[in-house]
Protein backbone atom coordinates (compact mmCIF):
# COMPACT_ATOMS: atom_id res chain seq x y z
CA MET A 1 -36.61 103.79 -116.67
CA ASP A 2 -34.99 100.38 -116.84
CA LEU A 3 -36.68 97.22 -117.84
CA ILE A 4 -37.04 95.96 -114.25
CA GLY A 5 -38.75 99.17 -113.26
CA VAL A 6 -41.26 98.84 -116.13
CA GLU A 7 -42.02 95.24 -115.13
CA LEU A 8 -42.55 96.29 -111.49
CA MET A 9 -45.01 98.99 -112.64
CA LYS A 10 -46.90 96.53 -114.70
CA THR A 11 -47.13 94.09 -111.80
CA SER A 12 -48.15 96.87 -109.47
CA ASN A 13 -50.86 98.01 -111.86
CA LYS A 14 -52.23 94.44 -112.12
CA ILE A 15 -52.41 94.15 -108.31
CA VAL A 16 -54.16 97.56 -108.07
CA ASP A 17 -56.65 96.50 -110.84
CA LEU A 18 -57.33 93.20 -108.98
CA LYS A 19 -57.96 94.98 -105.73
CA ASN A 20 -60.42 97.39 -107.37
CA TRP A 21 -62.20 94.50 -109.07
CA ARG A 22 -62.58 92.62 -105.76
CA ARG A 23 -63.71 95.80 -104.02
CA ARG A 24 -66.41 96.32 -106.67
CA GLY A 25 -67.73 92.82 -105.90
CA PHE A 26 -67.58 93.35 -102.22
CA TYR A 27 -69.54 96.57 -102.52
CA SER A 28 -72.28 94.89 -104.67
CA GLU A 29 -72.55 92.02 -102.27
CA THR A 30 -72.89 94.35 -99.28
CA VAL A 31 -75.47 96.57 -101.20
CA LEU A 32 -77.52 93.41 -102.06
CA VAL A 33 -77.60 92.28 -98.36
CA LYS A 34 -79.04 95.72 -97.53
CA LYS A 35 -81.63 95.48 -100.28
CA LEU A 36 -82.63 92.02 -99.11
CA LYS A 37 -83.02 93.16 -95.48
CA LYS A 38 -85.06 96.07 -96.56
CA ASN A 39 -87.44 93.69 -98.40
CA GLY A 40 -87.91 91.37 -95.39
CA TYR A 41 -85.13 88.72 -95.98
CA ASN A 42 -82.60 87.62 -93.43
CA ALA A 43 -79.41 87.85 -95.43
CA VAL A 44 -75.58 87.53 -94.98
CA ARG A 45 -72.64 88.04 -97.25
CA VAL A 46 -70.32 85.01 -97.25
CA PRO A 47 -66.89 86.60 -96.51
CA VAL A 48 -64.98 83.67 -98.01
CA SER A 49 -66.78 83.55 -101.16
CA ASN A 50 -64.09 83.34 -103.87
CA PRO A 51 -63.00 81.13 -106.64
CA SER A 52 -62.64 77.95 -104.56
CA LEU A 53 -63.77 74.41 -104.66
CA HIS A 54 -66.20 74.92 -101.88
CA PRO A 55 -69.87 75.34 -102.83
CA LEU A 56 -70.43 78.81 -101.34
CA PRO A 57 -72.61 81.50 -102.75
CA ASP A 58 -71.74 85.26 -102.46
CA VAL A 59 -74.87 86.00 -100.40
CA ILE A 60 -77.26 83.68 -98.57
CA ALA A 61 -80.72 84.79 -97.68
CA ARG A 62 -83.84 83.45 -96.11
CA LYS A 63 -87.44 84.59 -96.23
CA GLY A 64 -90.00 82.47 -94.44
CA SER A 65 -89.14 78.88 -95.11
CA HIS A 66 -87.32 79.63 -98.35
CA VAL A 67 -83.55 79.80 -98.76
CA PHE A 68 -81.83 81.84 -101.53
CA ALA A 69 -78.25 81.48 -102.76
CA PHE A 70 -77.07 84.40 -104.72
CA GLU A 71 -74.04 84.77 -107.13
CA VAL A 72 -73.36 88.50 -107.51
CA LYS A 73 -71.56 90.30 -110.37
CA ASN A 74 -70.87 94.06 -110.73
CA SER A 75 -70.30 95.49 -114.22
CA ASN A 76 -71.50 98.38 -116.47
CA TYR A 77 -73.40 96.70 -119.34
CA TYR A 78 -73.23 92.92 -118.97
CA ALA A 79 -72.35 90.25 -116.47
CA TYR A 80 -71.04 86.78 -117.13
CA PHE A 81 -71.63 83.97 -114.65
CA PRO A 82 -69.35 80.93 -115.31
CA GLY A 83 -70.95 77.45 -115.18
CA LYS A 84 -68.76 76.40 -112.29
CA GLN A 85 -70.20 79.26 -110.19
CA ILE A 86 -73.76 78.26 -111.17
CA GLU A 87 -72.93 74.65 -110.25
CA LYS A 88 -71.63 75.79 -106.86
CA LEU A 89 -75.00 77.57 -106.16
CA PHE A 90 -76.91 74.33 -106.69
CA ARG A 91 -74.37 72.23 -104.87
CA PHE A 92 -74.65 74.51 -101.85
CA LEU A 93 -78.49 74.36 -101.87
CA ASP A 94 -78.57 70.63 -102.62
CA GLU A 95 -75.87 69.45 -100.14
CA LEU A 96 -76.28 71.91 -97.32
CA ILE A 97 -79.99 73.08 -97.12
CA PRO A 98 -82.26 70.37 -95.84
CA ALA A 99 -85.43 71.59 -97.47
CA PRO A 100 -87.55 70.67 -100.50
CA ASN A 101 -86.28 72.02 -103.74
CA ASP A 102 -89.29 74.22 -104.23
CA HIS A 103 -87.96 76.17 -101.14
CA LYS A 104 -84.41 76.53 -102.40
CA HIS A 105 -83.59 79.19 -104.99
CA ALA A 106 -80.43 79.70 -107.01
CA ILE A 107 -80.41 83.33 -108.22
CA LEU A 108 -77.90 85.33 -110.34
CA ALA A 109 -77.69 88.93 -109.42
CA ALA A 110 -76.21 91.41 -111.85
CA HIS A 111 -75.40 94.88 -110.49
CA LEU A 112 -75.19 96.94 -113.62
CA GLY A 113 -74.65 100.61 -112.68
CA LYS A 114 -77.65 101.60 -110.62
CA LYS A 115 -79.75 98.71 -112.05
CA TRP A 116 -80.12 95.26 -110.55
CA ILE A 117 -81.28 92.32 -112.59
CA PHE A 118 -82.12 89.02 -110.88
CA LYS A 119 -82.37 85.69 -112.76
CA GLN A 120 -83.63 82.64 -110.88
CA LEU A 121 -82.32 79.40 -112.28
CA ALA A 122 -84.61 76.38 -112.60
CA TRP A 123 -83.91 73.26 -110.52
CA GLU A 124 -84.39 71.11 -113.64
CA LEU A 125 -81.08 72.35 -114.90
CA TRP A 126 -79.39 70.74 -111.80
CA GLU A 127 -81.59 67.63 -111.65
CA LYS A 128 -81.16 66.83 -115.32
CA LYS A 129 -77.45 67.70 -115.24
CA ILE A 130 -77.82 70.14 -118.12
CA LEU A 131 -76.01 73.22 -116.63
CA ILE A 132 -74.72 75.52 -119.19
CA ASP A 133 -71.17 76.72 -119.58
CA GLN A 134 -72.03 80.29 -118.69
CA GLU A 135 -74.97 82.65 -118.23
CA ARG A 136 -75.00 86.22 -119.36
CA ILE A 137 -77.10 89.14 -118.16
CA LEU A 138 -77.30 92.21 -120.30
CA LYS A 139 -78.32 95.68 -118.99
CA ARG A 140 -81.30 95.71 -121.29
CA ASP A 141 -82.58 92.22 -120.08
CA LYS A 142 -85.44 91.74 -117.76
CA GLY A 143 -84.98 89.47 -114.80
CA ASN A 144 -87.38 86.66 -113.85
CA TYR A 145 -87.22 87.25 -110.08
CA LYS A 146 -88.16 90.33 -108.07
CA LEU A 147 -86.99 90.84 -104.43
CA GLU A 148 -90.28 92.46 -103.54
CA MET A 149 -92.19 89.23 -104.26
CA ASP A 150 -94.43 88.44 -101.16
CA THR A 151 -95.02 84.74 -102.06
CA TYR A 152 -92.43 83.56 -99.50
């Protein structure tokens, strides 16, 4: 095989890998919407959620008067959430949801195999402008948010 053929194969493999990676994310977002609905939330997947400048979460949900913005990651053992994506969750809730902050929730959702781990982020991070560079959720971690909570 000539050098051009090898380069084309490498490019083709990268495209396939990217499509598979995006498909995994789409799958997890869709599964999360179903889980939320099963637990009494109104929920939708944001179809344009991608690395953009717009403050859009992967999934938006509502239960009672509470609004939830989810950033979703799919992985096997750990999930990384970049600081820019965390900032976009808070920007979405702050700029577009006219409700008190105690009714708006920024949540990281890690789909790790068959296990889901949810981590709610504190509004103080946003208000005091002390957002971290990235958040990591490991498969052995315990989340601080449960979908089954009936307090909303």
